[in-house]
Amino acid sequence: MRESVIATIGLGANLGDAPATVRAAMASIAALAQTQLVLSSRLYASAPVDSSGPDYVNAVVQVRTGLSAPKLLAELQSIELAAGRERPYRNAPRTLDLDLLLYGHAQISSPALTVPHPRMQQRAFVLLPLAEIAPALVGAAALAAVQDQTVRALPDTLESDPIS
């Protein structure tokens, strides 16, 4: 196995049973080869940003993985497809959206992948759950910049077993 790295993944869904889909995606991520779920946030609800449809359910997880960033992205896209993800148009409502937000300290810019995720600093639905599990990664200025975006923690979603 290659040297492992901590990767941070954003999860979101707004079609079907979104909370169940996000929890199932956490379990699928934890089951990836060479990958261990390290931390998971509680679930949050937020209005769609540059999109439509019902409110999203969001979360952020951190994994320790031996997968390369492109391989991890491919695995995340496979999990999306298994959950019924379709891409009829940009920012369409979705059964599941998995974004590779951070991959260690790597800076990646390719046609298929940009890390750090280019819009994560503009989205409260990413920054609030990220601040919950990795506060050192989210500065006060970043949180202040998105304070006008409504995001709320869903009740009874913080669990001792992150994938239960």
N, C-alpha and C. Protein backbone atom coordinates (compact mmCIF):
# COMPACT_ATOMS: atom_id res chain seq x y z
N MET A 1 0.84 -1.18 0.00
CA MET A 1 0.00 0.00 0.00
C MET A 1 0.89 1.24 0.00
N ARG A 2 0.51 2.23 -0.81
CA ARG A 2 1.24 3.48 -0.85
C ARG A 2 1.07 4.22 0.48
N GLU A 3 1.87 5.20 0.71
CA GLU A 3 1.75 6.00 1.92
C GLU A 3 0.35 6.59 2.00
N SER A 4 -0.25 6.55 3.18
CA SER A 4 -1.63 7.04 3.30
C SER A 4 -1.65 8.54 3.53
N VAL A 5 -2.78 9.12 3.20
CA VAL A 5 -3.00 10.55 3.32
C VAL A 5 -4.41 10.77 3.88
N ILE A 6 -4.61 11.88 4.55
CA ILE A 6 -5.95 12.24 5.01
C ILE A 6 -6.64 13.01 3.89
N ALA A 7 -7.77 12.50 3.46
CA ALA A 7 -8.58 13.16 2.44
C ALA A 7 -9.89 13.60 3.07
N THR A 8 -10.40 14.72 2.61
CA THR A 8 -11.65 15.27 3.13
C THR A 8 -12.66 15.27 1.99
N ILE A 9 -13.85 14.75 2.30
CA ILE A 9 -14.88 14.55 1.29
C ILE A 9 -16.17 15.22 1.75
N GLY A 10 -16.78 16.00 0.86
CA GLY A 10 -18.08 16.58 1.11
C GLY A 10 -19.16 15.68 0.53
N LEU A 11 -20.24 15.50 1.27
CA LEU A 11 -21.36 14.68 0.82
C LEU A 11 -22.61 15.53 0.79
N GLY A 12 -23.45 15.33 -0.21
CA GLY A 12 -24.71 16.04 -0.29
C GLY A 12 -25.73 15.25 -1.09
N ALA A 13 -27.01 15.46 -0.77
CA ALA A 13 -28.10 14.82 -1.49
C ALA A 13 -29.36 15.64 -1.26
N ASN A 14 -30.22 15.73 -2.30
CA ASN A 14 -31.50 16.40 -2.08
C ASN A 14 -32.66 15.72 -2.80
N LEU A 15 -32.47 14.51 -3.25
CA LEU A 15 -33.56 13.73 -3.84
C LEU A 15 -33.71 12.43 -3.07
N GLY A 16 -34.93 11.94 -2.98
CA GLY A 16 -35.18 10.69 -2.27
C GLY A 16 -34.98 10.86 -0.77
N ASP A 17 -34.60 9.78 -0.10
CA ASP A 17 -34.33 9.82 1.34
C ASP A 17 -32.89 10.29 1.53
N ALA A 18 -32.70 11.60 1.46
CA ALA A 18 -31.35 12.18 1.48
C ALA A 18 -30.55 11.80 2.73
N PRO A 19 -31.12 11.87 3.94
CA PRO A 19 -30.31 11.48 5.10
C PRO A 19 -29.83 10.03 5.02
N ALA A 20 -30.70 9.12 4.60
CA ALA A 20 -30.29 7.72 4.48
C ALA A 20 -29.24 7.56 3.39
N THR A 21 -29.38 8.29 2.30
CA THR A 21 -28.41 8.20 1.21
C THR A 21 -27.04 8.68 1.66
N VAL A 22 -27.00 9.79 2.40
CA VAL A 22 -25.72 10.32 2.87
C VAL A 22 -25.08 9.34 3.86
N ARG A 23 -25.88 8.78 4.77
CA ARG A 23 -25.32 7.80 5.71
C ARG A 23 -24.81 6.55 4.98
N ALA A 24 -25.56 6.09 3.98
CA ALA A 24 -25.11 4.92 3.20
C ALA A 24 -23.82 5.24 2.44
N ALA A 25 -23.71 6.47 1.95
CA ALA A 25 -22.48 6.86 1.25
C ALA A 25 -21.30 6.87 2.21
N MET A 26 -21.51 7.30 3.45
CA MET A 26 -20.44 7.25 4.44
C MET A 26 -19.96 5.81 4.63
N ALA A 27 -20.91 4.89 4.70
CA ALA A 27 -20.56 3.47 4.87
C ALA A 27 -19.82 2.96 3.63
N SER A 28 -20.24 3.38 2.45
CA SER A 28 -19.57 2.95 1.22
C SER A 28 -18.16 3.50 1.15
N ILE A 29 -17.98 4.73 1.56
CA ILE A 29 -16.64 5.33 1.58
C ILE A 29 -15.75 4.57 2.56
N ALA A 30 -16.30 4.25 3.74
CA ALA A 30 -15.53 3.52 4.75
C ALA A 30 -15.13 2.13 4.26
N ALA A 31 -15.89 1.58 3.33
CA ALA A 31 -15.62 0.23 2.83
C ALA A 31 -14.65 0.21 1.64
N LEU A 32 -14.21 1.37 1.17
CA LEU A 32 -13.28 1.40 0.04
C LEU A 32 -11.96 0.73 0.42
N ALA A 33 -11.35 0.09 -0.54
CA ALA A 33 -10.05 -0.53 -0.33
C ALA A 33 -9.04 0.53 0.10
N GLN A 34 -8.13 0.15 0.97
CA GLN A 34 -7.04 1.03 1.43
C GLN A 34 -7.55 2.32 2.07
N THR A 35 -8.76 2.29 2.60
CA THR A 35 -9.39 3.51 3.11
C THR A 35 -10.05 3.23 4.45
N GLN A 36 -9.85 4.15 5.38
CA GLN A 36 -10.47 4.04 6.71
C GLN A 36 -11.14 5.36 7.03
N LEU A 37 -12.41 5.30 7.43
CA LEU A 37 -13.12 6.50 7.87
C LEU A 37 -12.53 6.95 9.19
N VAL A 38 -12.11 8.21 9.27
CA VAL A 38 -11.48 8.74 10.48
C VAL A 38 -12.47 9.58 11.27
N LEU A 39 -13.14 10.50 10.60
CA LEU A 39 -14.09 11.42 11.26
C LEU A 39 -15.27 11.68 10.34
N SER A 40 -16.43 11.88 10.93
CA SER A 40 -17.59 12.31 10.16
C SER A 40 -18.37 13.34 10.95
N SER A 41 -18.87 14.33 10.24
CA SER A 41 -19.69 15.36 10.87
C SER A 41 -21.10 14.84 11.07
N ARG A 42 -21.87 15.60 11.81
CA ARG A 42 -23.31 15.33 11.85
C ARG A 42 -23.88 15.74 10.49
N LEU A 43 -25.16 15.48 10.28
CA LEU A 43 -25.81 15.89 9.04
C LEU A 43 -26.35 17.30 9.19
N TYR A 44 -26.27 18.05 8.10
CA TYR A 44 -26.75 19.43 8.05
C TYR A 44 -27.74 19.57 6.90
N ALA A 45 -28.66 20.52 7.04
CA ALA A 45 -29.60 20.84 5.96
C ALA A 45 -29.28 22.24 5.46
N SER A 46 -29.39 22.41 4.14
CA SER A 46 -29.14 23.72 3.55
C SER A 46 -29.97 23.86 2.28
N ALA A 47 -30.32 25.10 1.97
CA ALA A 47 -31.03 25.39 0.72
C ALA A 47 -30.06 25.17 -0.44
N PRO A 48 -30.58 24.78 -1.60
CA PRO A 48 -29.71 24.60 -2.77
C PRO A 48 -28.98 25.90 -3.11
N VAL A 49 -27.71 25.78 -3.51
CA VAL A 49 -26.91 26.92 -3.96
C VAL A 49 -26.68 26.74 -5.45
N ASP A 50 -27.04 27.73 -6.24
CA ASP A 50 -26.93 27.65 -7.70
C ASP A 50 -27.61 26.40 -8.24
N SER A 51 -28.71 26.01 -7.61
CA SER A 51 -29.42 24.79 -7.97
C SER A 51 -30.89 24.97 -7.61
N SER A 52 -31.64 23.89 -7.70
CA SER A 52 -33.06 23.93 -7.37
C SER A 52 -33.43 22.65 -6.63
N GLY A 53 -34.71 22.54 -6.31
CA GLY A 53 -35.18 21.34 -5.64
C GLY A 53 -35.26 21.53 -4.14
N PRO A 54 -35.53 20.44 -3.43
CA PRO A 54 -35.64 20.51 -1.97
C PRO A 54 -34.29 20.81 -1.32
N ASP A 55 -34.35 21.09 -0.02
CA ASP A 55 -33.11 21.33 0.73
C ASP A 55 -32.18 20.13 0.61
N TYR A 56 -30.90 20.43 0.68
CA TYR A 56 -29.87 19.40 0.66
C TYR A 56 -29.61 18.91 2.07
N VAL A 57 -29.17 17.68 2.18
CA VAL A 57 -28.58 17.13 3.39
C VAL A 57 -27.10 17.01 3.09
N ASN A 58 -26.27 17.60 3.96
CA ASN A 58 -24.82 17.64 3.74
C ASN A 58 -24.08 17.10 4.94
N ALA A 59 -22.86 16.66 4.69
CA ALA A 59 -21.94 16.23 5.73
C ALA A 59 -20.53 16.29 5.15
N VAL A 60 -19.55 16.17 6.03
CA VAL A 60 -18.15 16.10 5.62
C VAL A 60 -17.52 14.95 6.39
N VAL A 61 -16.69 14.17 5.68
CA VAL A 61 -15.94 13.09 6.33
C VAL A 61 -14.47 13.24 6.00
N GLN A 62 -13.66 12.70 6.89
CA GLN A 62 -12.23 12.57 6.61
C GLN A 62 -11.90 11.09 6.63
N VAL A 63 -11.07 10.70 5.66
CA VAL A 63 -10.61 9.33 5.56
C VAL A 63 -9.09 9.31 5.50
N ARG A 64 -8.53 8.21 5.96
CA ARG A 64 -7.11 7.94 5.73
C ARG A 64 -7.10 6.93 4.59
N THR A 65 -6.41 7.28 3.50
CA THR A 65 -6.47 6.43 2.32
C THR A 65 -5.10 6.25 1.68
N GLY A 66 -4.91 5.09 1.12
CA GLY A 66 -3.73 4.80 0.32
C GLY A 66 -4.01 4.96 -1.16
N LEU A 67 -5.25 5.31 -1.50
CA LEU A 67 -5.62 5.53 -2.90
C LEU A 67 -5.07 6.87 -3.37
N SER A 68 -4.65 6.94 -4.62
CA SER A 68 -4.26 8.22 -5.19
C SER A 68 -5.50 9.11 -5.30
N ALA A 69 -5.31 10.40 -5.44
CA ALA A 69 -6.45 11.31 -5.57
C ALA A 69 -7.32 10.96 -6.77
N PRO A 70 -6.76 10.71 -7.96
CA PRO A 70 -7.62 10.32 -9.09
C PRO A 70 -8.37 9.01 -8.85
N LYS A 71 -7.73 8.05 -8.21
CA LYS A 71 -8.40 6.77 -7.92
C LYS A 71 -9.50 6.98 -6.89
N LEU A 72 -9.25 7.78 -5.87
CA LEU A 72 -10.28 8.07 -4.87
C LEU A 72 -11.47 8.77 -5.54
N LEU A 73 -11.20 9.73 -6.40
CA LEU A 73 -12.27 10.41 -7.12
C LEU A 73 -13.09 9.41 -7.94
N ALA A 74 -12.42 8.51 -8.64
CA ALA A 74 -13.13 7.50 -9.43
C ALA A 74 -14.01 6.62 -8.55
N GLU A 75 -13.51 6.26 -7.38
CA GLU A 75 -14.30 5.45 -6.44
C GLU A 75 -15.52 6.23 -5.94
N LEU A 76 -15.33 7.52 -5.65
CA LEU A 76 -16.45 8.35 -5.21
C LEU A 76 -17.50 8.46 -6.31
N GLN A 77 -17.06 8.61 -7.54
CA GLN A 77 -18.01 8.68 -8.65
C GLN A 77 -18.76 7.37 -8.83
N SER A 78 -18.11 6.24 -8.55
CA SER A 78 -18.79 4.94 -8.60
C SER A 78 -19.87 4.85 -7.52
N ILE A 79 -19.57 5.38 -6.34
CA ILE A 79 -20.57 5.39 -5.26
C ILE A 79 -21.76 6.27 -5.67
N GLU A 80 -21.48 7.41 -6.29
CA GLU A 80 -22.57 8.28 -6.78
C GLU A 80 -23.45 7.53 -7.78
N LEU A 81 -22.83 6.87 -8.74
CA LEU A 81 -23.59 6.13 -9.75
C LEU A 81 -24.44 5.04 -9.11
N ALA A 82 -23.88 4.33 -8.15
CA ALA A 82 -24.63 3.27 -7.46
C ALA A 82 -25.85 3.82 -6.72
N ALA A 83 -25.76 5.10 -6.32
CA ALA A 83 -26.88 5.75 -5.63
C ALA A 83 -27.87 6.38 -6.61
N GLY A 84 -27.63 6.18 -7.90
CA GLY A 84 -28.55 6.70 -8.90
C GLY A 84 -28.24 8.09 -9.41
N ARG A 85 -27.03 8.56 -9.18
CA ARG A 85 -26.65 9.90 -9.61
C ARG A 85 -26.74 10.03 -11.13
N GLU A 86 -27.42 11.08 -11.55
CA GLU A 86 -27.47 11.45 -12.96
C GLU A 86 -26.97 12.88 -13.08
N ARG A 87 -26.47 13.24 -14.23
CA ARG A 87 -25.96 14.59 -14.46
C ARG A 87 -26.64 15.19 -15.70
N PRO A 88 -27.97 15.45 -15.61
CA PRO A 88 -28.67 15.95 -16.79
C PRO A 88 -28.25 17.37 -17.17
N TYR A 89 -27.85 18.17 -16.18
CA TYR A 89 -27.37 19.53 -16.43
C TYR A 89 -26.61 19.99 -15.20
N ARG A 90 -25.81 21.04 -15.39
CA ARG A 90 -24.98 21.56 -14.29
C ARG A 90 -25.84 21.94 -13.10
N ASN A 91 -25.41 21.50 -11.91
CA ASN A 91 -26.08 21.81 -10.64
C ASN A 91 -27.51 21.28 -10.55
N ALA A 92 -27.80 20.22 -11.27
CA ALA A 92 -29.13 19.59 -11.18
C ALA A 92 -29.31 19.00 -9.78
N PRO A 93 -30.56 18.92 -9.29
CA PRO A 93 -30.79 18.20 -8.04
C PRO A 93 -30.20 16.80 -8.17
N ARG A 94 -29.79 16.23 -7.04
CA ARG A 94 -29.09 14.95 -7.15
C ARG A 94 -29.38 14.01 -6.00
N THR A 95 -29.33 12.73 -6.34
CA THR A 95 -29.49 11.70 -5.32
C THR A 95 -28.28 11.66 -4.41
N LEU A 96 -27.08 11.96 -4.98
CA LEU A 96 -25.86 11.96 -4.18
C LEU A 96 -24.78 12.74 -4.91
N ASP A 97 -24.08 13.56 -4.15
CA ASP A 97 -22.95 14.32 -4.68
C ASP A 97 -21.79 14.14 -3.71
N LEU A 98 -20.68 13.64 -4.20
CA LEU A 98 -19.49 13.44 -3.38
C LEU A 98 -18.36 14.28 -3.98
N ASP A 99 -17.82 15.20 -3.19
CA ASP A 99 -16.75 16.08 -3.65
C ASP A 99 -15.49 15.82 -2.86
N LEU A 100 -14.39 15.60 -3.57
CA LEU A 100 -13.08 15.50 -2.93
C LEU A 100 -12.64 16.94 -2.65
N LEU A 101 -12.71 17.33 -1.38
CA LEU A 101 -12.42 18.70 -0.98
C LEU A 101 -10.94 18.94 -0.79
N LEU A 102 -10.29 18.05 -0.05
CA LEU A 102 -8.87 18.14 0.26
C LEU A 102 -8.25 16.76 0.15
N TYR A 103 -7.00 16.73 -0.27
CA TYR A 103 -6.25 15.48 -0.33
C TYR A 103 -4.90 15.78 0.29
N GLY A 104 -4.83 15.58 1.61
CA GLY A 104 -3.62 15.97 2.33
C GLY A 104 -3.37 17.45 2.09
N HIS A 105 -2.13 17.79 1.77
CA HIS A 105 -1.77 19.18 1.47
C HIS A 105 -1.61 19.39 -0.04
N ALA A 106 -2.07 18.43 -0.82
CA ALA A 106 -1.87 18.47 -2.27
C ALA A 106 -2.62 19.62 -2.92
N GLN A 107 -2.01 20.15 -3.94
CA GLN A 107 -2.62 21.12 -4.84
C GLN A 107 -2.70 20.41 -6.19
N ILE A 108 -3.91 20.15 -6.65
CA ILE A 108 -4.11 19.40 -7.89
C ILE A 108 -4.97 20.24 -8.82
N SER A 109 -4.52 20.38 -10.05
CA SER A 109 -5.31 21.08 -11.05
C SER A 109 -5.21 20.31 -12.36
N SER A 110 -6.26 19.56 -12.65
CA SER A 110 -6.32 18.79 -13.89
C SER A 110 -7.73 18.95 -14.46
N PRO A 111 -7.94 18.53 -15.69
CA PRO A 111 -9.30 18.63 -16.24
C PRO A 111 -10.34 17.85 -15.41
N ALA A 112 -9.92 16.78 -14.75
CA ALA A 112 -10.85 15.94 -14.00
C ALA A 112 -10.96 16.30 -12.52
N LEU A 113 -9.97 17.00 -11.97
CA LEU A 113 -9.93 17.18 -10.52
C LEU A 113 -9.18 18.45 -10.14
N THR A 114 -9.81 19.22 -9.25
CA THR A 114 -9.14 20.39 -8.67
C THR A 114 -9.22 20.25 -7.15
N VAL A 115 -8.07 20.26 -6.51
CA VAL A 115 -7.97 20.15 -5.05
C VAL A 115 -6.96 21.19 -4.58
N PRO A 116 -7.30 21.99 -3.57
CA PRO A 116 -8.55 22.02 -2.82
C PRO A 116 -9.74 22.35 -3.74
N HIS A 117 -10.91 21.87 -3.33
CA HIS A 117 -12.12 22.11 -4.12
C HIS A 117 -12.27 23.61 -4.33
N PRO A 118 -12.48 24.05 -5.56
CA PRO A 118 -12.43 25.49 -5.86
C PRO A 118 -13.51 26.34 -5.20
N ARG A 119 -14.64 25.75 -4.80
CA ARG A 119 -15.72 26.56 -4.20
C ARG A 119 -15.98 26.25 -2.73
N MET A 120 -15.13 25.44 -2.11
CA MET A 120 -15.43 25.06 -0.73
C MET A 120 -15.43 26.25 0.23
N GLN A 121 -14.59 27.25 -0.01
CA GLN A 121 -14.53 28.41 0.88
C GLN A 121 -15.75 29.32 0.75
N GLN A 122 -16.57 29.10 -0.27
CA GLN A 122 -17.75 29.92 -0.51
C GLN A 122 -19.03 29.27 0.00
N ARG A 123 -18.93 28.10 0.60
CA ARG A 123 -20.12 27.32 0.93
C ARG A 123 -20.19 26.96 2.40
N ALA A 124 -21.18 27.53 3.07
CA ALA A 124 -21.38 27.24 4.48
C ALA A 124 -21.68 25.76 4.70
N PHE A 125 -22.37 25.12 3.75
CA PHE A 125 -22.71 23.71 3.92
C PHE A 125 -21.49 22.80 3.86
N VAL A 126 -20.35 23.33 3.44
CA VAL A 126 -19.08 22.62 3.53
C VAL A 126 -18.31 23.06 4.77
N LEU A 127 -18.22 24.37 4.96
CA LEU A 127 -17.37 24.89 6.04
C LEU A 127 -17.87 24.55 7.44
N LEU A 128 -19.18 24.59 7.66
CA LEU A 128 -19.68 24.28 9.01
C LEU A 128 -19.42 22.83 9.42
N PRO A 129 -19.76 21.85 8.57
CA PRO A 129 -19.42 20.47 8.98
C PRO A 129 -17.91 20.22 9.03
N LEU A 130 -17.16 20.89 8.16
CA LEU A 130 -15.70 20.74 8.21
C LEU A 130 -15.15 21.32 9.51
N ALA A 131 -15.67 22.47 9.92
CA ALA A 131 -15.23 23.08 11.18
C ALA A 131 -15.57 22.19 12.38
N GLU A 132 -16.65 21.44 12.26
CA GLU A 132 -17.04 20.53 13.34
C GLU A 132 -15.99 19.44 13.55
N ILE A 133 -15.48 18.87 12.45
CA ILE A 133 -14.57 17.73 12.59
C ILE A 133 -13.10 18.11 12.49
N ALA A 134 -12.79 19.26 11.89
CA ALA A 134 -11.40 19.68 11.72
C ALA A 134 -11.32 21.20 11.82
N PRO A 135 -11.54 21.74 13.03
CA PRO A 135 -11.61 23.19 13.18
C PRO A 135 -10.36 23.93 12.72
N ALA A 136 -9.21 23.30 12.76
CA ALA A 136 -7.98 23.97 12.33
C ALA A 136 -7.98 24.26 10.83
N LEU A 137 -8.85 23.59 10.09
CA LEU A 137 -8.90 23.79 8.64
C LEU A 137 -9.83 24.92 8.20
N VAL A 138 -10.57 25.48 9.16
CA VAL A 138 -11.55 26.51 8.81
C VAL A 138 -11.32 27.74 9.69
N GLY A 139 -10.91 28.81 9.07
CA GLY A 139 -10.65 30.03 9.82
C GLY A 139 -11.91 30.82 10.12
N ALA A 140 -11.82 31.69 11.10
CA ALA A 140 -12.95 32.54 11.49
C ALA A 140 -13.39 33.43 10.32
N ALA A 141 -12.44 33.92 9.54
CA ALA A 141 -12.78 34.78 8.41
C ALA A 141 -13.59 34.01 7.37
N ALA A 142 -13.25 32.75 7.15
CA ALA A 142 -14.00 31.93 6.19
C ALA A 142 -15.44 31.72 6.66
N LEU A 143 -15.61 31.44 7.94
CA LEU A 143 -16.96 31.26 8.49
C LEU A 143 -17.74 32.57 8.43
N ALA A 144 -17.08 33.69 8.73
CA ALA A 144 -17.75 34.99 8.67
C ALA A 144 -18.20 35.30 7.24
N ALA A 145 -17.45 34.89 6.27
CA ALA A 145 -17.77 35.19 4.87
C ALA A 145 -19.02 34.45 4.39
N VAL A 146 -19.41 33.37 5.06
CA VAL A 146 -20.59 32.61 4.63
C VAL A 146 -21.72 32.66 5.67
N GLN A 147 -21.62 33.57 6.62
CA GLN A 147 -22.59 33.59 7.70
C GLN A 147 -24.01 33.91 7.25
N ASP A 148 -24.17 34.49 6.06
CA ASP A 148 -25.51 34.80 5.57
C ASP A 148 -26.19 33.59 4.93
N GLN A 149 -25.48 32.48 4.76
CA GLN A 149 -26.05 31.26 4.20
C GLN A 149 -26.66 30.42 5.32
N THR A 150 -27.92 30.03 5.15
CA THR A 150 -28.62 29.28 6.19
C THR A 150 -28.28 27.80 6.10
N VAL A 151 -27.67 27.31 7.15
CA VAL A 151 -27.34 25.89 7.29
C VAL A 151 -27.69 25.51 8.72
N ARG A 152 -28.39 24.39 8.87
CA ARG A 152 -28.76 23.97 10.23
C ARG A 152 -28.42 22.50 10.43
N ALA A 153 -27.92 22.20 11.61
CA ALA A 153 -27.64 20.81 11.96
C ALA A 153 -28.96 20.08 12.12
N LEU A 154 -29.03 18.88 11.59
CA LEU A 154 -30.22 18.07 11.76
C LEU A 154 -30.18 17.41 13.13
N PRO A 155 -31.32 17.27 13.77
CA PRO A 155 -31.34 16.69 15.12
C PRO A 155 -30.95 15.21 15.11
N ASP A 156 -30.35 14.81 16.23
CA ASP A 156 -30.04 13.40 16.46
C ASP A 156 -29.21 12.75 15.37
N THR A 157 -28.28 13.50 14.79
CA THR A 157 -27.46 12.90 13.76
C THR A 157 -26.01 12.77 14.16
N LEU A 158 -25.62 13.29 15.33
CA LEU A 158 -24.25 13.11 15.78
C LEU A 158 -24.20 11.80 16.55
N GLU A 159 -23.44 10.85 16.04
CA GLU A 159 -23.43 9.51 16.60
C GLU A 159 -22.01 9.11 16.96
N SER A 160 -21.87 8.29 17.96
CA SER A 160 -20.52 7.86 18.35
C SER A 160 -19.90 6.98 17.27
N ASP A 161 -20.71 6.22 16.56
CA ASP A 161 -20.24 5.41 15.45
C ASP A 161 -20.55 6.19 14.17
N PRO A 162 -19.54 6.73 13.49
CA PRO A 162 -19.82 7.65 12.39
C PRO A 162 -20.55 7.04 11.21
N ILE A 163 -20.63 5.74 11.11
CA ILE A 163 -21.31 5.15 9.97
C ILE A 163 -22.49 4.27 10.38
N SER A 164 -22.99 4.43 11.59
CA SER A 164 -24.07 3.54 12.04
C SER A 164 -25.39 3.86 11.39
